[in-house]
N, C-alpha and C. Protein backbone atom coordinates (compact mmCIF):
# COMPACT_ATOMS: atom_id res chain seq x y z
N UNK A 1 0.77 -1.19 0.01
CA UNK A 1 -0.08 0.08 -0.16
C UNK A 1 0.67 0.91 -0.02
N UNK A 2 0.63 2.24 -0.86
CA UNK A 2 1.18 3.65 -0.93
C UNK A 2 0.23 4.61 -0.46
N UNK A 3 0.83 4.99 0.66
CA UNK A 3 -0.13 6.41 1.31
C UNK A 3 0.34 7.57 1.24
N UNK A 4 -0.63 8.60 1.33
CA UNK A 4 -0.54 9.94 0.89
C UNK A 4 0.75 10.55 1.95
N UNK A 5 1.70 11.43 1.61
CA UNK A 5 2.55 12.21 2.42
C UNK A 5 3.83 11.31 2.39
N UNK A 6 4.21 11.53 3.89
CA UNK A 6 5.73 10.74 4.14
C UNK A 6 5.60 10.09 5.41
N UNK A 7 6.69 9.36 5.43
CA UNK A 7 6.47 8.69 7.01
C UNK A 7 5.85 7.41 7.51
N UNK A 8 6.01 6.73 6.14
CA UNK A 8 4.99 5.25 6.62
C UNK A 8 5.87 3.97 7.13
N UNK A 9 5.69 3.42 7.59
CA UNK A 9 6.47 2.60 8.73
C UNK A 9 7.32 1.49 7.80
N UNK A 10 7.01 1.33 6.32
CA UNK A 10 8.12 0.59 5.67
C UNK A 10 8.79 1.61 4.49
N UNK A 11 9.00 2.35 4.89
CA UNK A 11 9.83 3.13 3.76
C UNK A 11 11.09 2.70 3.72
N UNK A 12 11.78 2.26 4.58
CA UNK A 12 12.91 1.85 4.50
C UNK A 12 13.24 0.67 3.31
N UNK A 13 12.29 0.04 3.22
CA UNK A 13 12.09 -0.90 2.43
C UNK A 13 12.20 -1.04 0.61
N UNK A 14 11.73 0.52 0.69
CA UNK A 14 12.05 0.97 -0.84
C UNK A 14 13.29 1.52 -1.06
N UNK A 15 14.49 1.67 0.02
CA UNK A 15 15.76 2.33 -0.20
C UNK A 15 15.91 2.44 -1.51
N UNK A 16 16.39 0.94 -1.71
CA UNK A 16 17.18 0.57 -3.00
C UNK A 16 16.50 0.56 -4.08
N UNK A 17 15.05 1.36 -4.37
CA UNK A 17 14.06 1.44 -5.31
C UNK A 17 13.26 0.28 -5.78
N UNK A 18 13.32 -0.76 -4.83
CA UNK A 18 12.65 -1.97 -5.40
C UNK A 18 12.04 -2.69 -3.95
N UNK A 19 10.83 -3.26 -4.36
CA UNK A 19 10.35 -4.55 -3.59
C UNK A 19 9.99 -5.16 -4.65
N UNK A 20 10.52 -6.69 -4.21
CA UNK A 20 10.34 -7.78 -5.02
C UNK A 20 9.56 -8.62 -4.51
N UNK A 21 9.08 -9.44 -5.45
CA UNK A 21 8.28 -10.99 -4.80
C UNK A 21 8.78 -11.66 -3.60
N UNK A 22 10.52 -11.74 -4.06
CA UNK A 22 11.32 -12.34 -2.49
C UNK A 22 11.39 -11.85 -1.43
N UNK A 23 11.14 -10.43 -1.43
CA UNK A 23 11.48 -9.54 -0.34
C UNK A 23 10.26 -10.11 0.72
N UNK A 24 10.45 -10.57 1.67
CA UNK A 24 9.55 -11.01 2.46
C UNK A 24 7.98 -11.59 2.16
N UNK A 25 7.94 -12.80 1.21
CA UNK A 25 7.16 -13.07 0.48
C UNK A 25 5.87 -13.14 1.44
N UNK A 26 4.74 -12.59 0.49
CA UNK A 26 3.32 -12.75 1.68
C UNK A 26 3.07 -11.53 2.47
N UNK A 27 4.32 -10.72 2.76
CA UNK A 27 4.12 -9.34 3.74
C UNK A 27 3.56 -8.64 2.90
N UNK A 28 2.47 -7.62 3.73
CA UNK A 28 1.93 -6.54 3.46
C UNK A 28 3.02 -5.20 3.50
N UNK A 29 3.83 -4.58 2.62
CA UNK A 29 4.30 -3.27 3.23
C UNK A 29 3.39 -1.74 2.93
N UNK A 30 3.89 -0.98 3.74
CA UNK A 30 3.20 0.40 3.61
C UNK A 30 4.45 1.08 3.57
N UNK A 31 4.15 1.78 2.35
CA UNK A 31 5.23 2.79 1.99
C UNK A 31 4.44 4.48 1.29
N UNK A 32 5.48 5.08 1.66
CA UNK A 32 4.99 6.78 1.44
C UNK A 32 5.35 7.32 0.16
N UNK A 33 4.27 8.02 -0.30
CA UNK A 33 4.23 8.69 -1.78
C UNK A 33 5.63 9.43 -1.27
N UNK A 34 6.07 10.28 -0.18
CA UNK A 34 7.41 10.78 -0.28
C UNK A 34 8.68 10.23 -0.76
N UNK A 35 8.39 8.74 -0.31
CA UNK A 35 9.70 7.85 -0.31
C UNK A 35 9.99 7.66 -1.70
N UNK A 36 8.58 7.49 -2.36
CA UNK A 36 8.75 7.25 -4.07
C UNK A 36 8.99 8.08 -4.70
N UNK A 37 8.75 9.46 -4.27
CA UNK A 37 9.02 10.59 -5.20
C UNK A 37 10.37 11.23 -4.73
N UNK A 38 11.07 10.70 -4.28
CA UNK A 38 12.68 11.15 -3.56
C UNK A 38 13.35 10.43 -4.44
N UNK A 39 13.21 9.41 -4.92
CA UNK A 39 14.29 8.53 -5.94
C UNK A 39 14.76 9.81 -7.42
N UNK A 40 15.88 9.56 -7.45
CA UNK A 40 16.34 10.60 -8.61
C UNK A 40 15.74 10.10 -10.07
N UNK A 41 15.95 11.06 -10.74
CA UNK A 41 15.53 10.47 -12.37
C UNK A 41 16.66 9.74 -13.04
N UNK A 42 17.58 9.28 -12.76
CA UNK A 42 17.83 8.23 -13.42
C UNK A 42 18.26 7.10 -13.17
N UNK A 43 17.11 6.46 -12.60
CA UNK A 43 16.93 5.02 -11.63
C UNK A 43 15.59 4.37 -12.11
N UNK A 44 15.34 3.32 -12.14
CA UNK A 44 13.69 2.87 -12.41
C UNK A 44 13.51 2.34 -11.02
N UNK A 45 12.16 2.37 -10.75
CA UNK A 45 11.24 1.69 -9.54
C UNK A 45 10.45 0.37 -9.97
N UNK A 46 10.93 -0.30 -8.96
CA UNK A 46 10.23 -1.49 -9.32
C UNK A 46 9.32 -1.90 -8.05
N UNK A 47 7.91 -2.26 -8.12
CA UNK A 47 7.27 -2.80 -6.85
C UNK A 47 6.42 -3.74 -7.42
N UNK A 48 6.25 -5.13 -6.62
CA UNK A 48 6.09 -6.40 -7.11
C UNK A 48 5.27 -6.83 -5.83
N UNK A 49 3.98 -7.40 -5.93
CA UNK A 49 3.19 -7.75 -4.77
C UNK A 49 2.62 -9.11 -5.27
N UNK A 50 2.36 -10.02 -4.38
CA UNK A 50 1.99 -11.42 -4.40
C UNK A 50 0.25 -11.11 -4.54
N UNK A 51 -0.50 -10.23 -3.93
CA UNK A 51 -1.70 -10.42 -4.20
C UNK A 51 -2.50 -8.84 -4.60
N UNK A 52 -1.99 -7.87 -4.31
CA UNK A 52 -2.29 -6.42 -4.75
C UNK A 52 -1.32 -5.07 -4.35
N UNK A 53 -1.43 -4.30 -5.12
CA UNK A 53 -0.73 -3.09 -4.96
C UNK A 53 -2.16 -1.86 -5.03
N UNK A 54 -1.95 -1.14 -3.99
CA UNK A 54 -3.15 -0.31 -3.66
C UNK A 54 -2.31 1.17 -3.28
N UNK A 55 -2.95 2.11 -4.33
CA UNK A 55 -2.06 3.66 -3.87
C UNK A 55 -3.67 4.29 -3.64
N UNK A 56 -3.31 4.56 -2.17
CA UNK A 56 -4.38 5.32 -0.95
C UNK A 56 -4.80 6.52 -1.85
N UNK A 57 -5.79 7.23 -1.80
CA UNK A 57 -6.16 8.62 -2.21
C UNK A 57 -4.90 9.53 -1.75
N UNK A 58 -4.52 10.24 -2.73
CA UNK A 58 -3.48 11.08 -2.35
C UNK A 58 -3.94 12.52 -2.20
N UNK A 59 -3.27 13.28 -0.77
CA UNK A 59 -3.92 14.72 -0.53
C UNK A 59 -3.55 15.55 -1.92
N UNK A 60 -2.43 15.11 -2.33
CA UNK A 60 -2.02 16.39 -3.41
C UNK A 60 -2.51 15.72 -5.07
N UNK A 61 -3.11 14.70 -4.94
CA UNK A 61 -3.77 14.06 -6.06
C UNK A 61 -2.58 13.68 -7.09
N UNK A 62 -1.06 13.69 -6.93
CA UNK A 62 -0.08 13.20 -7.76
C UNK A 62 0.84 12.51 -7.19
N UNK A 63 0.88 11.43 -7.68
CA UNK A 63 2.41 10.65 -7.32
C UNK A 63 3.55 10.88 -8.33
N UNK A 64 4.61 11.80 -8.08
CA UNK A 64 5.25 12.37 -8.83
C UNK A 64 6.72 11.58 -8.82
N UNK A 65 6.86 10.98 -9.57
CA UNK A 65 8.20 10.28 -9.73
C UNK A 65 9.34 11.28 -10.40
N UNK A 66 10.52 10.85 -10.38
CA UNK A 66 11.30 11.83 -11.04
C UNK A 66 12.12 10.75 -11.89
N UNK A 67 11.25 9.72 -11.95
CA UNK A 67 11.99 8.60 -13.24
C UNK A 67 11.89 9.40 -14.56
N UNK A 68 13.02 9.38 -15.26
CA UNK A 68 13.31 9.81 -16.38
C UNK A 68 13.43 9.19 -17.76
N UNK A 69 13.77 9.64 -18.88
CA UNK A 69 13.77 8.94 -19.91
C UNK A 69 14.66 7.61 -20.31
N UNK A 70 14.68 6.63 -20.44
CA UNK A 70 15.45 5.22 -20.47
C UNK A 70 14.95 4.45 -19.39
N UNK A 71 14.41 5.24 -18.34
CA UNK A 71 13.86 4.52 -16.91
C UNK A 71 12.50 4.03 -16.85
N UNK A 72 12.05 3.43 -15.81
CA UNK A 72 10.70 3.09 -15.73
C UNK A 72 10.26 3.07 -14.28
N UNK A 73 8.59 3.35 -14.02
CA UNK A 73 8.34 2.78 -12.77
C UNK A 73 7.52 1.82 -13.38
N UNK A 74 7.41 0.76 -12.47
CA UNK A 74 7.05 -0.67 -12.88
C UNK A 74 6.06 -1.46 -11.52
N UNK A 75 4.78 -1.50 -11.84
CA UNK A 75 3.93 -2.36 -10.53
C UNK A 75 3.80 -3.47 -11.22
N UNK A 76 3.95 -4.87 -10.51
CA UNK A 76 3.41 -5.99 -10.78
C UNK A 76 2.97 -6.72 -9.98
N UNK A 77 1.53 -7.49 -9.95
CA UNK A 77 0.94 -8.38 -9.17
C UNK A 77 1.25 -9.79 -9.72
N UNK A 78 1.02 -10.80 -8.73
CA UNK A 78 0.94 -11.96 -9.24
C UNK A 78 -0.31 -12.64 -9.75
N UNK A 79 -0.63 -13.13 -10.50
CA UNK A 79 -2.02 -14.09 -10.77
C UNK A 79 -3.07 -13.18 -11.29
N UNK A 80 -3.96 -13.30 -10.07
CA UNK A 80 -4.85 -12.46 -10.06
C UNK A 80 -4.98 -11.42 -9.30
N UNK A 81 -3.63 -10.87 -8.75
CA UNK A 81 -3.96 -9.86 -8.08
C UNK A 81 -4.58 -8.50 -8.49
N UNK A 82 -4.42 -7.34 -8.10
CA UNK A 82 -5.27 -6.37 -8.23
C UNK A 82 -4.41 -4.96 -8.17
N UNK A 83 -4.39 -4.32 -9.15
CA UNK A 83 -3.70 -2.67 -8.92
C UNK A 83 -4.96 -1.49 -8.79
N UNK A 84 -5.03 -1.15 -7.70
CA UNK A 84 -5.93 -0.11 -7.53
C UNK A 84 -5.27 1.34 -7.35
N UNK A 85 -6.26 2.29 -7.55
CA UNK A 85 -5.90 3.61 -7.14
C UNK A 85 -6.91 4.39 -7.23
N UNK A 86 -7.10 5.71 -6.50
CA UNK A 86 -7.99 6.77 -7.04
C UNK A 86 -8.12 7.03 -8.07
N UNK A 87 -9.22 6.93 -8.55
CA UNK A 87 -9.44 7.58 -10.15
C UNK A 87 -8.93 9.25 -10.60
N UNK A 88 -9.19 9.66 -9.33
CA UNK A 88 -8.78 11.22 -9.62
C UNK A 88 -7.47 11.58 -9.75
N UNK A 89 -6.47 10.45 -8.82
CA UNK A 89 -5.16 10.74 -8.82
C UNK A 89 -4.50 10.25 -10.38
N UNK A 90 -3.16 11.08 -10.00
CA UNK A 90 -2.38 10.90 -11.18
C UNK A 90 -0.93 10.33 -10.85
N UNK A 91 -0.58 9.26 -11.89
CA UNK A 91 0.91 8.74 -11.63
C UNK A 91 1.64 9.55 -12.67
N UNK A 92 2.62 10.51 -12.06
CA UNK A 92 3.60 11.31 -13.13
C UNK A 92 4.89 10.88 -13.34
N UNK A 93 5.87 10.81 -14.50
CA UNK A 93 6.98 10.67 -14.79
C UNK A 93 7.58 11.88 -15.60
N UNK A 94 8.91 12.01 -15.50
CA UNK A 94 9.79 12.79 -16.00
C UNK A 94 9.96 12.33 -17.37
N UNK A 95 9.82 11.60 -17.86
CA UNK A 95 10.00 10.89 -19.34
C UNK A 95 10.16 9.34 -19.25
N UNK A 96 9.84 8.94 -17.97
CA UNK A 96 10.22 7.36 -17.82
C UNK A 96 8.74 6.99 -18.11
N UNK A 97 9.09 5.38 -18.65
CA UNK A 97 7.86 4.54 -18.66
C UNK A 97 6.99 4.21 -17.68
N UNK A 98 5.67 3.86 -17.60
CA UNK A 98 4.94 3.60 -16.40
C UNK A 98 4.33 2.05 -17.26
N UNK A 99 4.47 1.20 -16.36
CA UNK A 99 4.48 -0.24 -16.62
C UNK A 99 3.45 -0.76 -15.79
N UNK A 100 2.29 -1.23 -15.73
CA UNK A 100 1.30 -2.05 -15.03
C UNK A 100 1.28 -3.33 -15.47
N UNK A 101 1.28 -4.23 -14.73
CA UNK A 101 0.79 -5.65 -15.04
C UNK A 101 0.27 -6.05 -13.69
N UNK A 102 -1.04 -6.75 -14.10
CA UNK A 102 -1.99 -7.49 -12.82
C UNK A 102 -2.88 -8.09 -13.25
N UNK A 103 -3.44 -9.05 -12.53
CA UNK A 103 -4.88 -9.69 -12.56
C UNK A 103 -5.76 -8.28 -13.30
N UNK A 104 -6.37 -7.39 -12.54
CA UNK A 104 -7.20 -6.44 -12.85
C UNK A 104 -6.38 -5.10 -12.34
N UNK A 105 -6.84 -4.39 -13.20
CA UNK A 105 -6.32 -3.05 -13.11
C UNK A 105 -7.13 -1.98 -13.11
N UNK A 106 -7.29 -0.84 -11.77
CA UNK A 106 -8.10 0.43 -11.94
C UNK A 106 -7.10 1.54 -11.58
N UNK A 107 -6.58 1.63 -12.79
CA UNK A 107 -5.68 3.12 -12.67
C UNK A 107 -6.51 4.50 -12.81
N UNK A 108 -6.04 5.72 -12.19
CA UNK A 108 -6.34 6.90 -12.44
C UNK A 108 -5.90 7.13 -13.80
N UNK A 109 -5.30 8.65 -13.66
CA UNK A 109 -4.61 9.26 -14.56
C UNK A 109 -3.06 8.73 -14.87
N UNK A 110 -2.46 8.96 -15.90
CA UNK A 110 -0.91 8.40 -15.96
C UNK A 110 -0.57 9.45 -17.13
N UNK A 111 0.73 10.15 -16.35
CA UNK A 111 1.09 11.03 -17.57
C UNK A 111 2.81 11.11 -17.40
N UNK A 112 3.52 10.64 -18.42
CA UNK A 112 4.53 10.38 -18.85
C UNK A 112 5.96 11.52 -19.27
N UNK A 113 5.41 12.46 -20.04
CA UNK A 113 6.09 13.39 -20.22
C UNK A 113 6.82 12.98 -21.52
N UNK A 114 6.46 12.12 -22.34
CA UNK A 114 7.61 11.11 -23.41
C UNK A 114 7.45 9.91 -23.25
N UNK A 115 7.53 9.45 -22.09
CA UNK A 115 7.60 8.02 -21.69
C UNK A 115 6.48 7.04 -22.41
N UNK A 116 6.82 5.79 -22.57
CA UNK A 116 5.56 4.86 -22.84
C UNK A 116 4.77 4.55 -21.50
N UNK A 117 3.29 4.03 -22.10
CA UNK A 117 2.35 3.40 -21.10
C UNK A 117 1.98 2.17 -21.45
N UNK A 118 2.26 1.36 -20.50
CA UNK A 118 2.16 -0.14 -20.74
C UNK A 118 1.33 -0.92 -19.66
N UNK A 119 -0.09 -1.22 -20.06
CA UNK A 119 -0.70 -1.73 -18.83
C UNK A 119 -1.42 -3.14 -19.39
N UNK A 120 -0.76 -4.10 -18.70
CA UNK A 120 -1.25 -5.78 -19.01
C UNK A 120 -2.45 -6.40 -17.71
N UNK A 121 -3.34 -6.61 -18.63
CA UNK A 121 -4.15 -7.51 -17.34
C UNK A 121 -3.91 -8.74 -17.62
N UNK A 122 -3.82 -9.52 -16.51
CA UNK A 122 -3.33 -11.02 -16.76
C UNK A 122 -4.10 -11.79 -15.54
N UNK A 123 -5.42 -11.37 -15.48
CA UNK A 123 -6.66 -12.02 -15.16
C UNK A 123 -6.69 -13.77 -15.58
N UNK A 124 -7.92 -14.32 -14.87
CA UNK A 124 -8.14 -15.56 -15.10
C UNK A 124 -9.81 -15.87 -15.85
N UNK A 125 -10.09 -14.60 -15.39
CA UNK A 125 -11.43 -14.68 -15.79
C UNK A 125 -12.07 -13.29 -16.76
N UNK A 126 -13.17 -12.81 -15.55
CA UNK A 126 -13.46 -11.44 -16.40
C UNK A 126 -12.92 -10.16 -15.79
N UNK A 127 -11.98 -10.26 -15.44
CA UNK A 127 -11.19 -8.98 -14.73
C UNK A 127 -11.32 -8.02 -15.86
N UNK A 128 -11.12 -6.57 -15.10
CA UNK A 128 -11.23 -5.27 -16.26
C UNK A 128 -9.98 -4.57 -15.91
N UNK A 129 -9.44 -3.76 -17.16
CA UNK A 129 -8.44 -3.23 -16.97
C UNK A 129 -8.96 -1.75 -17.42
N UNK A 130 -8.80 -0.80 -16.58
CA UNK A 130 -9.46 0.54 -16.67
C UNK A 130 -8.49 1.59 -16.22
N UNK A 131 -8.49 2.75 -16.99
CA UNK A 131 -7.53 3.90 -16.50
C UNK A 131 -8.61 5.23 -16.87
N UNK A 132 -8.01 6.21 -16.17
CA UNK A 132 -8.44 7.63 -16.39
C UNK A 132 -7.17 8.18 -17.89
N UNK A 133 -7.34 9.54 -17.77
CA UNK A 133 -6.68 9.91 -19.23
C UNK A 133 -5.06 9.45 -18.95
N UNK A 134 -4.68 9.70 -19.95
CA UNK A 134 -3.57 9.01 -20.69
C UNK A 134 -2.41 9.87 -21.28
N UNK A 135 -1.73 10.60 -20.58
CA UNK A 135 -0.68 11.50 -21.60
C UNK A 135 0.66 11.27 -21.66
N UNK A 136 1.15 10.84 -22.75
CA UNK A 136 2.34 10.76 -22.86
C UNK A 136 3.19 11.86 -23.46
N UNK A 137 2.13 13.04 -24.02
CA UNK A 137 3.06 13.91 -24.42
C UNK A 137 4.17 14.62 -23.81
N UNK A 138 5.38 14.91 -24.99
CA UNK A 138 6.74 15.11 -24.71
C UNK A 138 6.71 16.53 -24.12
N UNK A 139 6.55 17.39 -22.90
CA UNK A 139 6.63 18.53 -22.68
C UNK A 139 8.17 18.82 -22.56
N UNK A 140 8.92 18.47 -22.39
CA UNK A 140 10.42 18.39 -21.75
C UNK A 140 11.29 18.86 -22.94
N UNK A 141 11.29 18.54 -24.28
CA UNK A 141 11.95 18.45 -25.35
C UNK A 141 11.03 19.05 -26.27
N UNK A 142 11.65 20.26 -27.08
CA UNK A 142 10.70 21.19 -28.48
C UNK A 142 10.92 19.75 -29.61
N UNK A 143 9.54 20.01 -29.98
CA UNK A 143 9.59 18.96 -31.30
C UNK A 143 9.56 17.51 -30.95
N UNK A 144 9.57 16.87 -29.56
CA UNK A 144 9.75 15.46 -29.36
C UNK A 144 8.17 14.81 -29.68
N UNK A 145 8.33 13.43 -29.95
CA UNK A 145 6.88 12.90 -30.21
C UNK A 145 6.75 12.19 -28.50
N UNK A 146 5.61 12.02 -28.29
CA UNK A 146 5.02 11.41 -26.81
C UNK A 146 5.32 9.95 -27.05
N UNK A 147 5.02 9.30 -26.00
CA UNK A 147 5.42 7.87 -26.05
C UNK A 147 4.20 7.00 -26.20
N UNK A 148 4.43 5.79 -26.70
CA UNK A 148 3.51 4.84 -26.82
C UNK A 148 2.30 4.35 -25.90
N UNK A 149 1.40 4.07 -26.25
CA UNK A 149 0.28 3.55 -25.18
C UNK A 149 0.05 2.03 -25.37
N UNK A 150 0.24 1.18 -24.69
CA UNK A 150 -0.03 -0.19 -24.97
C UNK A 150 -1.08 -0.50 -23.90
N UNK A 151 -2.27 -1.40 -24.12
CA UNK A 151 -3.33 -1.51 -23.57
C UNK A 151 -3.78 -2.71 -23.60
N UNK A 152 -3.41 -4.03 -22.97
CA UNK A 152 -4.15 -5.33 -23.16
C UNK A 152 -4.54 -5.93 -22.23
N UNK A 153 -5.64 -6.79 -22.15
CA UNK A 153 -6.06 -7.12 -21.31
C UNK A 153 -6.56 -8.88 -21.65
N UNK A 154 -5.40 -9.71 -21.10
CA UNK A 154 -5.56 -11.22 -21.29
C UNK A 154 -6.32 -12.27 -20.64
N UNK A 155 -7.21 -11.48 -20.03
CA UNK A 155 -8.24 -12.21 -19.05
C UNK A 155 -9.23 -12.85 -20.39
N UNK A 156 -9.92 -13.89 -20.26
CA UNK A 156 -10.77 -14.64 -20.93
C UNK A 156 -11.92 -13.88 -21.49
N UNK A 157 -12.65 -13.26 -20.51
CA UNK A 157 -13.54 -12.34 -21.11
C UNK A 157 -13.62 -11.02 -20.43
N UNK A 158 -12.15 -10.78 -20.19
CA UNK A 158 -12.54 -9.21 -19.36
C UNK A 158 -12.39 -8.00 -20.34
N UNK A 159 -12.50 -7.07 -20.14
CA UNK A 159 -12.83 -5.35 -20.71
C UNK A 159 -11.49 -4.52 -20.66
N UNK A 160 -11.29 -3.84 -21.74
CA UNK A 160 -10.52 -2.54 -21.41
C UNK A 160 -11.44 -1.48 -21.26
N UNK A 161 -11.37 -0.42 -20.32
CA UNK A 161 -12.03 0.63 -20.38
C UNK A 161 -11.11 1.97 -19.99
N UNK A 162 -11.20 3.15 -20.96
CA UNK A 162 -10.33 4.30 -20.63
C UNK A 162 -11.25 5.38 -20.59
N UNK A 163 -11.39 5.81 -19.34
CA UNK A 163 -12.47 7.00 -18.96
C UNK A 163 -11.62 8.21 -19.08
N UNK A 164 -10.96 8.42 -20.32
CA UNK A 164 -10.56 10.05 -20.24
C UNK A 164 -9.59 10.00 -21.70
N UNK A 165 -9.30 11.08 -22.10
CA UNK A 165 -8.83 10.82 -23.42
C UNK A 165 -7.29 10.49 -23.52
N UNK A 166 -6.55 10.12 -24.55
CA UNK A 166 -5.18 9.50 -24.94
C UNK A 166 -4.89 10.31 -25.50
N UNK A 167 -3.56 11.25 -24.94
CA UNK A 167 -2.89 11.90 -25.89
C UNK A 167 -1.18 11.80 -25.79
N UNK A 168 -1.18 11.60 -27.30
CA UNK A 168 0.38 10.88 -27.34
C UNK A 168 1.15 11.96 -28.41
N UNK A 169 0.63 12.86 -29.11
CA UNK A 169 1.11 13.44 -30.24
C UNK A 169 2.13 12.73 -30.98
N UNK A 170 1.61 11.99 -32.23
CA UNK A 170 2.70 11.75 -33.14
C UNK A 170 2.98 10.35 -32.97
N UNK A 171 2.76 9.65 -31.91
CA UNK A 171 3.28 7.91 -31.68
C UNK A 171 2.00 7.20 -31.88
N UNK A 172 1.92 5.85 -31.52
CA UNK A 172 1.04 4.89 -31.56
C UNK A 172 0.21 4.88 -30.46
N UNK A 173 -0.77 4.08 -30.62
CA UNK A 173 -1.68 3.73 -29.38
C UNK A 173 -2.33 2.53 -29.92
N UNK A 174 -2.42 1.35 -29.04
CA UNK A 174 -2.82 0.26 -29.13
C UNK A 174 -3.77 -0.62 -27.95
N UNK A 175 -4.81 -0.89 -28.20
CA UNK A 175 -5.62 -1.66 -27.21
C UNK A 175 -6.27 -2.83 -27.65
N UNK A 176 -6.43 -3.92 -26.70
CA UNK A 176 -6.90 -5.15 -27.27
C UNK A 176 -7.27 -5.83 -25.79
N UNK A 177 -7.82 -7.04 -26.17
CA UNK A 177 -8.28 -7.98 -25.07
C UNK A 177 -7.68 -9.23 -25.71
């Protein structure tokens, strides 16, 4: 679980930029928005969980990673795990990719300043992959193109729902089930 603000009990666990499946299997970690936002832009962040990843409602409505171009923010759950966040909140990078792989996905807004967005649902039934606005427009470099957007739901009878515009300016977008 990612909580708003700073000072969560497991912030030290993310000091290396990653929480992996092998880090205390089955444990529930509570980390803060501030701990994640503190990472330098020249690094990737990897968050893996056995059953689910939840981003609680954020007071400022933005989880602002410094992750830059060529790096990524990765959220991954096992099997039928669930990724959830408040639909009014935004995950933001400074050119880095946003990758979410989970059984079901209920994402809010995703903004990358040029990096790609990859959402992959791997549920076993009728799980849904949903997101709010996706914006990969590159405002960091004049004339640069936005990142790719790929949304897939591999659940046998799942759905893909985009509850807002997809803005890429000049690159490709793909969605499928």
